[in-house]
C-alpha atoms as a PDB file:
ATOM      1  CA  MET A   1      71.453  14.202 205.278  1.00  0.00           C
ATOM      2  CA  GLU A   2      69.836  10.797 205.394  1.00  0.00           C
ATOM      3  CA  ARG A   3      67.293   9.344 203.202  1.00  0.00           C
ATOM      4  CA  THR A   4      65.650   6.069 202.792  1.00  0.00           C
ATOM      5  CA  SER A   5      65.570   4.232 199.415  1.00  0.00           C
ATOM      6  CA  HIS A   6      62.839   2.033 198.207  1.00  0.00           C
ATOM      7  CA  SER A   7      64.462  -0.968 199.835  1.00  0.00           C
ATOM      8  CA  SER A   8      64.090   0.872 203.285  1.00  0.00           C
ATOM      9  CA  THR A   9      67.806   0.969 203.776  1.00  0.00           C
ATOM     10  CA  PRO A  10      69.366   4.124 204.853  1.00  0.00           C
ATOM     11  CA  VAL A  11      71.302   6.121 202.115  1.00  0.00           C
ATOM     12  CA  LYS A  12      73.834   8.713 202.879  1.00  0.00           C
ATOM     13  CA  GLY A  13      74.318  11.674 200.684  1.00  0.00           C
ATOM     14  CA  GLU A  14      73.238  12.315 197.040  1.00  0.00           C
ATOM     15  CA  ALA A  15      75.645   9.948 195.400  1.00  0.00           C
ATOM     16  CA  ALA A  16      73.607   6.936 196.418  1.00  0.00           C
ATOM     17  CA  LEU A  17      70.243   8.256 195.049  1.00  0.00           C
ATOM     18  CA  SER A  18      68.747   6.605 191.992  1.00  0.00           C
ATOM     19  CA  SER A  19      68.424   8.627 188.783  1.00  0.00           C
ATOM     20  CA  THR A  20      64.789   9.643 189.461  1.00  0.00           C
ATOM     21  CA  GLU A  21      65.544  10.694 192.974  1.00  0.00           C
ATOM     22  CA  LYS A  22      68.479  12.808 191.873  1.00  0.00           C
ATOM     23  CA  ARG A  23      66.243  14.545 189.552  1.00  0.00           C
ATOM     24  CA  ILE A  24      63.748  15.295 192.128  1.00  0.00           C
ATOM     25  CA  TYR A  25      66.426  16.150 194.545  1.00  0.00           C
ATOM     26  CA  ILE A  26      67.568  19.017 192.308  1.00  0.00           C
ATOM     27  CA  PHE A  27      64.133  20.624 192.446  1.00  0.00           C
ATOM     28  CA  GLU A  28      63.180  19.853 196.068  1.00  0.00           C
ATOM     29  CA  LYS A  29      66.256  19.885 198.351  1.00  0.00           C
ATOM     30  CA  ALA A  30      69.291  21.240 196.414  1.00  0.00           C
ATOM     31  CA  PRO A  31      70.619  24.756 197.104  1.00  0.00           C
ATOM     32  CA  VAL A  32      69.075  27.260 194.647  1.00  0.00           C
ATOM     33  CA  ARG A  33      72.452  28.221 193.209  1.00  0.00           C
ATOM     34  CA  ARG A  34      73.491  24.569 192.518  1.00  0.00           C
ATOM     35  CA  ALA A  35      69.997  23.657 191.029  1.00  0.00           C
ATOM     36  CA  VAL A  36      70.051  26.715 188.741  1.00  0.00           C
ATOM     37  CA  LEU A  37      73.619  26.010 187.663  1.00  0.00           C
ATOM     38  CA  GLN A  38      72.791  22.454 186.806  1.00  0.00           C
ATOM     39  CA  GLN A  39      69.926  23.292 184.713  1.00  0.00           C
ATOM     40  CA  MET A  40      71.568  26.311 183.099  1.00  0.00           C
ATOM     41  CA  LEU A  41      74.912  24.757 181.978  1.00  0.00           C
ATOM     42  CA  PRO A  42      73.261  22.468 179.185  1.00  0.00           C
ATOM     43  CA  THR A  43      71.352  25.305 177.825  1.00  0.00           C
ATOM     44  CA  VAL A  44      74.406  27.594 177.626  1.00  0.00           C
ATOM     45  CA  ALA A  45      76.536  24.757 176.189  1.00  0.00           C
ATOM     46  CA  GLY A  46      73.963  24.109 173.414  1.00  0.00           C
ATOM     47  CA  GLN A  47      73.966  27.811 172.389  1.00  0.00           C
ATOM     48  CA  MET A  48      77.761  27.827 172.464  1.00  0.00           C
ATOM     49  CA  VAL A  49      77.678  24.815 170.201  1.00  0.00           C
ATOM     50  CA  ALA A  50      75.488  26.693 167.711  1.00  0.00           C
ATOM     51  CA  LEU A  51      77.807  29.778 167.786  1.00  0.00           C
ATOM     52  CA  LEU A  52      80.871  27.664 167.227  1.00  0.00           C
ATOM     53  CA  TYR A  53      79.069  25.806 164.284  1.00  0.00           C
ATOM     54  CA  ASN A  54      78.443  29.213 162.730  1.00  0.00           C
ATOM     55  CA  LEU A  55      81.878  30.435 163.289  1.00  0.00           C
ATOM     56  CA  ALA A  56      83.339  27.326 161.822  1.00  0.00           C
ATOM     57  CA  ASP A  57      81.204  27.419 158.841  1.00  0.00           C
ATOM     58  CA  THR A  58      81.917  31.231 158.203  1.00  0.00           C
ATOM     59  CA  PHE A  59      85.618  30.280 158.592  1.00  0.00           C
ATOM     60  CA  PHE A  60      85.758  27.443 156.031  1.00  0.00           C
ATOM     61  CA  VAL A  61      83.290  29.116 153.634  1.00  0.00           C
ATOM     62  CA  GLY A  62      85.625  32.196 153.857  1.00  0.00           C
ATOM     63  CA  LEU A  63      88.572  30.237 152.765  1.00  0.00           C
ATOM     64  CA  LEU A  64      86.750  29.936 149.339  1.00  0.00           C
ATOM     65  CA  ASN A  65      87.509  33.616 148.555  1.00  0.00           C
ATOM     66  CA  ALA A  66      83.880  33.988 147.380  1.00  0.00           C
ATOM     67  CA  PRO A  67      82.139  36.930 149.046  1.00  0.00           C
ATOM     68  CA  ILE A  68      78.723  35.697 147.775  1.00  0.00           C
ATOM     69  CA  GLN A  69      79.276  32.331 149.705  1.00  0.00           C
ATOM     70  CA  THR A  70      80.120  34.188 152.834  1.00  0.00           C
ATOM     71  CA  ALA A  71      77.206  36.419 152.390  1.00  0.00           C
ATOM     72  CA  ALA A  72      75.091  33.316 152.040  1.00  0.00           C
ATOM     73  CA  VAL A  73      76.410  32.014 155.365  1.00  0.00           C
ATOM     74  CA  THR A  74      75.651  35.482 157.069  1.00  0.00           C
ATOM     75  CA  VAL A  75      72.210  35.473 155.639  1.00  0.00           C
ATOM     76  CA  ALA A  76      71.395  31.788 156.905  1.00  0.00           C
ATOM     77  CA  TYR A  77      72.509  32.417 160.569  1.00  0.00           C
ATOM     78  CA  PRO A  78      69.792  34.634 161.822  1.00  0.00           C
ATOM     79  CA  PRO A  79      66.911  32.437 160.867  1.00  0.00           C
ATOM     80  CA  PHE A  80      68.824  29.439 162.293  1.00  0.00           C
ATOM     81  CA  LEU A  81      69.227  31.584 165.524  1.00  0.00           C
ATOM     82  CA  MET A  82      65.454  32.618 165.521  1.00  0.00           C
ATOM     83  CA  MET A  83      64.431  28.938 164.964  1.00  0.00           C
ATOM     84  CA  THR A  84      66.518  27.949 167.840  1.00  0.00           C
ATOM     85  CA  ALA A  85      65.087  30.777 170.083  1.00  0.00           C
ATOM     86  CA  VAL A  86      61.392  29.835 169.047  1.00  0.00           C
ATOM     87  CA  SER A  87      62.167  26.099 169.867  1.00  0.00           C
ATOM     88  CA  ASN A  88      63.525  27.214 173.316  1.00  0.00           C
ATOM     89  CA  LEU A  89      60.481  29.172 174.191  1.00  0.00           C
ATOM     90  CA  PHE A  90      58.617  25.705 174.443  1.00  0.00           C
ATOM     91  CA  GLY A  91      61.490  24.159 176.464  1.00  0.00           C
ATOM     92  CA  ILE A  92      61.573  27.103 178.922  1.00  0.00           C
ATOM     93  CA  GLY A  93      57.876  27.264 179.205  1.00  0.00           C
ATOM     94  CA  GLY A  94      57.694  23.465 179.548  1.00  0.00           C
ATOM     95  CA  ALA A  95      60.343  23.450 182.268  1.00  0.00           C
ATOM     96  CA  SER A  96      58.457  25.993 184.331  1.00  0.00           C
ATOM     97  CA  ALA A  97      55.185  23.893 183.943  1.00  0.00           C
ATOM     98  CA  VAL A  98      57.069  20.791 184.745  1.00  0.00           C
ATOM     99  CA  SER A  99      58.553  22.258 187.825  1.00  0.00           C
ATOM    100  CA  HIS A 100      55.010  23.266 189.056  1.00  0.00           C
ATOM    101  CA  ALA A 101      53.739  19.587 188.385  1.00  0.00           C
ATOM    102  CA  LEU A 102      56.565  18.279 190.319  1.00  0.00           C
ATOM    103  CA  GLY A 103      55.811  20.590 193.193  1.00  0.00           C
ATOM    104  CA  ARG A 104      52.415  19.194 193.181  1.00  0.00           C
ATOM    105  CA  ARG A 105      53.898  15.666 192.982  1.00  0.00           C
ATOM    106  CA  ASP A 106      52.030  15.007 189.802  1.00  0.00           C
ATOM    107  CA  MET A 107      54.776  12.745 188.004  1.00  0.00           C
ATOM    108  CA  ASP A 108      52.284  11.842 185.247  1.00  0.00           C
ATOM    109  CA  GLY A 109      51.428  15.539 184.479  1.00  0.00           C
ATOM    110  CA  ALA A 110      55.159  16.432 184.440  1.00  0.00           C
ATOM    111  CA  GLN A 111      55.787  13.629 181.865  1.00  0.00           C
ATOM    112  CA  ARG A 112      53.079  14.794 179.776  1.00  0.00           C
ATOM    113  CA  ILE A 113      53.966  18.467 179.935  1.00  0.00           C
ATOM    114  CA  SER A 114      57.531  17.443 178.923  1.00  0.00           C
ATOM    115  CA  ALA A 115      56.379  15.320 175.982  1.00  0.00           C
ATOM    116  CA  ILE A 116      53.978  18.076 174.668  1.00  0.00           C
ATOM    117  CA  ALA A 117      56.903  20.823 175.188  1.00  0.00           C
ATOM    118  CA  PHE A 118      59.209  18.436 173.168  1.00  0.00           C
ATOM    119  CA  TRP A 119      56.795  17.891 170.245  1.00  0.00           C
ATOM    120  CA  LEU A 120      55.733  21.492 170.151  1.00  0.00           C
ATOM    121  CA  SER A 121      59.320  22.487 170.073  1.00  0.00           C
ATOM    122  CA  LEU A 122      59.952  19.910 167.248  1.00  0.00           C
ATOM    123  CA  ALA A 123      57.030  21.138 165.339  1.00  0.00           C
ATOM    124  CA  SER A 124      57.766  24.887 165.563  1.00  0.00           C
ATOM    125  CA  ALA A 125      61.218  24.232 164.200  1.00  0.00           C
ATOM    126  CA  ALA A 126      59.793  22.411 161.274  1.00  0.00           C
ATOM    127  CA  VAL A 127      57.320  25.008 160.591  1.00  0.00           C
ATOM    128  CA  PHE A 128      59.877  27.773 160.879  1.00  0.00           C
ATOM    129  CA  SER A 129      62.211  25.831 158.423  1.00  0.00           C
ATOM    130  CA  LEU A 130      59.453  25.562 155.907  1.00  0.00           C
ATOM    131  CA  LEU A 131      58.710  29.182 156.175  1.00  0.00           C
ATOM    132  CA  CYS A 132      62.216  30.258 155.430  1.00  0.00           C
ATOM    133  CA  GLY A 133      62.025  28.468 151.986  1.00  0.00           C
ATOM    134  CA  TYR A 134      59.202  30.596 150.876  1.00  0.00           C
ATOM    135  CA  ASP A 135      60.093  33.372 148.308  1.00  0.00           C
ATOM    136  CA  PRO A 136      58.660  36.395 150.277  1.00  0.00           C
ATOM    137  CA  ILE A 137      60.371  35.457 153.537  1.00  0.00           C
ATOM    138  CA  TYR A 138      63.524  34.478 151.703  1.00  0.00           C
ATOM    139  CA  GLN A 139      63.772  37.734 149.859  1.00  0.00           C
ATOM    140  CA  LEU A 140      63.179  39.675 153.120  1.00  0.00           C
ATOM    141  CA  LEU A 141      66.194  37.724 154.695  1.00  0.00           C
ATOM    142  CA  SER A 142      68.445  37.940 151.788  1.00  0.00           C
ATOM    143  CA  GLY A 143      67.796  41.507 150.698  1.00  0.00           C
ATOM    144  CA  GLY A 144      67.115  40.743 146.971  1.00  0.00           C
ATOM    145  CA  GLN A 145      68.316  38.791 144.079  1.00  0.00           C
ATOM    146  CA  ILE A 146      72.054  39.024 144.595  1.00  0.00           C
ATOM    147  CA  GLY A 147      73.484  35.612 145.648  1.00  0.00           C
ATOM    148  CA  ARG A 148      70.028  34.163 145.614  1.00  0.00           C
ATOM    149  CA  ALA A 149      71.194  30.612 144.704  1.00  0.00           C
ATOM    150  CA  SER A 150      73.937  30.596 147.342  1.00  0.00           C
ATOM    151  CA  CYS A 151      71.768  31.822 149.948  1.00  0.00           C
ATOM    152  CA  ARG A 152      68.945  29.510 149.083  1.00  0.00           C
ATOM    153  CA  GLU A 153      71.373  26.458 149.494  1.00  0.00           C
ATOM    154  CA  ARG A 154      72.183  27.465 153.039  1.00  0.00           C
ATOM    155  CA  VAL A 155      68.767  28.728 154.462  1.00  0.00           C
END
């Protein structure tokens, strides 16, 4: 495949493309399987890091031989996972809207959409974190008064 760069010199293959051209190439010309894998791997890696973080946290807290502390870690993980899922909703929806804008060749619109998706994702994570600090929601998550101080430290 032969392309021309901005300087009108022929460029062979994908390796010689600029950063912006590579990103556009993924959406326009790359085989679907490769494009999906390139976009999917960072998301899966992020989820795996979150899982490993929880496993490591549970392991080291478990070494304390304090069941209340281990219960606190167990109570804190689902809200953390839900916060990540809610934030990812904006990322997934934003990615779809960005791909539509790129298909229309609307680069400014794609940048606007990605900025809005980023800030909404950040705001939703902040709001979710604040909600987890309120007593009614906290009691729903922790199941009552047992280990309240330990759980409150982790959530």
